[in-house]
Amino acid sequence: MASNTKATTVKRKNKHEAAGRRRKNRQARRSTVSAVELFAALGEPGKPAPKAAK
């Protein structure tokens, strides 16, 4: 049977790894903008682009 210390150490390691994985998954969800957001500043298709604001 494993010692209590070993079991606690493994649980701690697993929690840290899971926390890092959850953090990275949250970041990855919004890492790329949608096509609508990417081209929003160019205006509607078929119309001239809006003038740059000064």
N, C-alpha and C. Protein backbone atom coordinates (compact mmCIF):
# COMPACT_ATOMS: atom_id res chain seq x y z
N MET A 1 0.84 -1.19 0.00
CA MET A 1 0.00 0.00 0.00
C MET A 1 0.89 1.25 0.00
N ALA A 2 0.54 2.23 -0.80
CA ALA A 2 1.33 3.45 -0.90
C ALA A 2 1.17 4.29 0.36
N SER A 3 2.21 5.05 0.64
CA SER A 3 2.15 5.91 1.82
C SER A 3 1.24 7.10 1.56
N ASN A 4 0.76 7.71 2.62
CA ASN A 4 -0.11 8.88 2.51
C ASN A 4 0.64 10.03 1.83
N THR A 5 1.93 10.16 2.14
CA THR A 5 2.73 11.23 1.55
C THR A 5 2.83 11.06 0.04
N LYS A 6 3.07 9.83 -0.41
CA LYS A 6 3.19 9.57 -1.85
C LYS A 6 1.86 9.85 -2.55
N ALA A 7 0.75 9.42 -1.94
CA ALA A 7 -0.57 9.64 -2.53
C ALA A 7 -0.86 11.14 -2.64
N THR A 8 -0.52 11.89 -1.60
CA THR A 8 -0.75 13.33 -1.59
C THR A 8 0.10 14.02 -2.65
N THR A 9 1.35 13.58 -2.79
CA THR A 9 2.26 14.17 -3.78
C THR A 9 1.74 13.96 -5.20
N VAL A 10 1.26 12.75 -5.46
CA VAL A 10 0.74 12.44 -6.80
C VAL A 10 -0.52 13.26 -7.08
N LYS A 11 -1.41 13.37 -6.09
CA LYS A 11 -2.63 14.17 -6.27
C LYS A 11 -2.28 15.62 -6.54
N ARG A 12 -1.30 16.15 -5.82
CA ARG A 12 -0.88 17.54 -6.02
C ARG A 12 -0.33 17.75 -7.43
N LYS A 13 0.49 16.81 -7.88
CA LYS A 13 1.07 16.90 -9.22
C LYS A 13 -0.04 16.86 -10.28
N ASN A 14 -0.99 15.96 -10.10
CA ASN A 14 -2.10 15.84 -11.06
C ASN A 14 -2.93 17.12 -11.09
N LYS A 15 -3.17 17.72 -9.92
CA LYS A 15 -3.96 18.95 -9.88
C LYS A 15 -3.23 20.09 -10.58
N HIS A 16 -1.93 20.17 -10.41
CA HIS A 16 -1.16 21.22 -11.08
C HIS A 16 -1.18 21.04 -12.59
N GLU A 17 -1.02 19.80 -13.04
CA GLU A 17 -1.05 19.53 -14.48
C GLU A 17 -2.43 19.84 -15.06
N ALA A 18 -3.48 19.46 -14.34
CA ALA A 18 -4.84 19.72 -14.81
C ALA A 18 -5.11 21.22 -14.86
N ALA A 19 -4.61 21.96 -13.88
CA ALA A 19 -4.82 23.41 -13.85
C ALA A 19 -4.15 24.07 -15.05
N GLY A 20 -2.96 23.61 -15.39
CA GLY A 20 -2.25 24.14 -16.54
C GLY A 20 -2.99 23.82 -17.83
N ARG A 21 -3.50 22.62 -17.92
CA ARG A 21 -4.23 22.20 -19.11
C ARG A 21 -5.52 23.02 -19.26
N ARG A 22 -6.22 23.25 -18.14
CA ARG A 22 -7.45 24.07 -18.19
C ARG A 22 -7.12 25.50 -18.62
N ARG A 23 -6.01 26.04 -18.12
CA ARG A 23 -5.60 27.40 -18.48
C ARG A 23 -5.31 27.49 -19.98
N LYS A 24 -4.56 26.53 -20.49
CA LYS A 24 -4.20 26.54 -21.91
C LYS A 24 -5.45 26.37 -22.79
N ASN A 25 -6.39 25.52 -22.36
CA ASN A 25 -7.62 25.33 -23.12
C ASN A 25 -8.45 26.60 -23.16
N ARG A 26 -8.49 27.34 -22.04
CA ARG A 26 -9.22 28.61 -22.02
C ARG A 26 -8.58 29.59 -22.99
N GLN A 27 -7.25 29.67 -23.01
CA GLN A 27 -6.55 30.58 -23.91
C GLN A 27 -6.80 30.20 -25.38
N ALA A 28 -6.80 28.93 -25.67
CA ALA A 28 -6.92 28.46 -27.05
C ALA A 28 -8.30 28.77 -27.63
N ARG A 29 -9.31 28.88 -26.77
CA ARG A 29 -10.66 29.14 -27.28
C ARG A 29 -10.76 30.49 -27.99
N ARG A 30 -10.00 31.49 -27.54
CA ARG A 30 -10.09 32.82 -28.13
C ARG A 30 -8.78 33.24 -28.80
N SER A 31 -7.97 32.28 -29.22
CA SER A 31 -6.67 32.63 -29.79
C SER A 31 -6.79 33.18 -31.20
N THR A 32 -7.84 32.79 -31.93
CA THR A 32 -8.00 33.27 -33.30
C THR A 32 -9.32 34.02 -33.41
N VAL A 33 -9.28 35.15 -34.12
CA VAL A 33 -10.50 35.93 -34.32
C VAL A 33 -11.28 35.34 -35.48
N SER A 34 -12.57 35.58 -35.49
CA SER A 34 -13.41 35.06 -36.58
C SER A 34 -13.18 35.91 -37.82
N ALA A 35 -13.62 35.41 -38.95
CA ALA A 35 -13.47 36.14 -40.22
C ALA A 35 -14.24 37.45 -40.16
N VAL A 36 -15.39 37.46 -39.50
CA VAL A 36 -16.19 38.69 -39.38
C VAL A 36 -15.40 39.75 -38.62
N GLU A 37 -14.79 39.37 -37.50
CA GLU A 37 -14.00 40.32 -36.72
C GLU A 37 -12.74 40.75 -37.47
N LEU A 38 -12.13 39.82 -38.19
CA LEU A 38 -10.88 40.11 -38.87
C LEU A 38 -11.06 41.16 -39.97
N PHE A 39 -12.17 41.07 -40.71
CA PHE A 39 -12.38 41.96 -41.84
C PHE A 39 -13.40 43.06 -41.57
N ALA A 40 -13.79 43.25 -40.31
CA ALA A 40 -14.81 44.25 -39.97
C ALA A 40 -14.38 45.66 -40.36
N ALA A 41 -13.13 46.00 -40.22
CA ALA A 41 -12.64 47.35 -40.50
C ALA A 41 -12.64 47.66 -42.00
N LEU A 42 -12.77 46.67 -42.85
CA LEU A 42 -12.72 46.88 -44.30
C LEU A 42 -14.07 47.27 -44.89
N GLY A 43 -15.12 47.23 -44.10
CA GLY A 43 -16.44 47.60 -44.59
C GLY A 43 -17.13 46.42 -45.25
N GLU A 44 -18.29 46.73 -45.85
CA GLU A 44 -19.07 45.67 -46.49
C GLU A 44 -18.49 45.31 -47.85
N PRO A 45 -18.67 44.08 -48.30
CA PRO A 45 -18.18 43.67 -49.61
C PRO A 45 -18.88 44.45 -50.73
N GLY A 46 -18.13 44.83 -51.74
CA GLY A 46 -18.69 45.53 -52.88
C GLY A 46 -18.80 47.03 -52.70
N LYS A 47 -18.47 47.51 -51.51
CA LYS A 47 -18.53 48.95 -51.25
C LYS A 47 -17.11 49.44 -50.95
N PRO A 48 -16.85 50.73 -51.17
CA PRO A 48 -15.52 51.23 -50.87
C PRO A 48 -15.21 51.18 -49.38
N ALA A 49 -13.93 50.99 -49.07
CA ALA A 49 -13.53 50.92 -47.66
C ALA A 49 -13.75 52.27 -46.99
N PRO A 50 -14.10 52.27 -45.70
CA PRO A 50 -14.30 53.54 -45.00
C PRO A 50 -13.01 54.33 -44.90
N LYS A 51 -13.14 55.65 -44.88
CA LYS A 51 -11.98 56.52 -44.75
C LYS A 51 -11.37 56.35 -43.37
N ALA A 52 -10.04 56.48 -43.29
CA ALA A 52 -9.34 56.36 -42.01
C ALA A 52 -9.68 57.56 -41.12
N ALA A 53 -9.99 57.32 -39.87
CA ALA A 53 -10.30 58.41 -38.94
C ALA A 53 -9.00 59.08 -38.49
N LYS A 54 -9.07 60.39 -38.38
CA LYS A 54 -7.87 61.13 -37.97
C LYS A 54 -7.87 61.42 -36.50
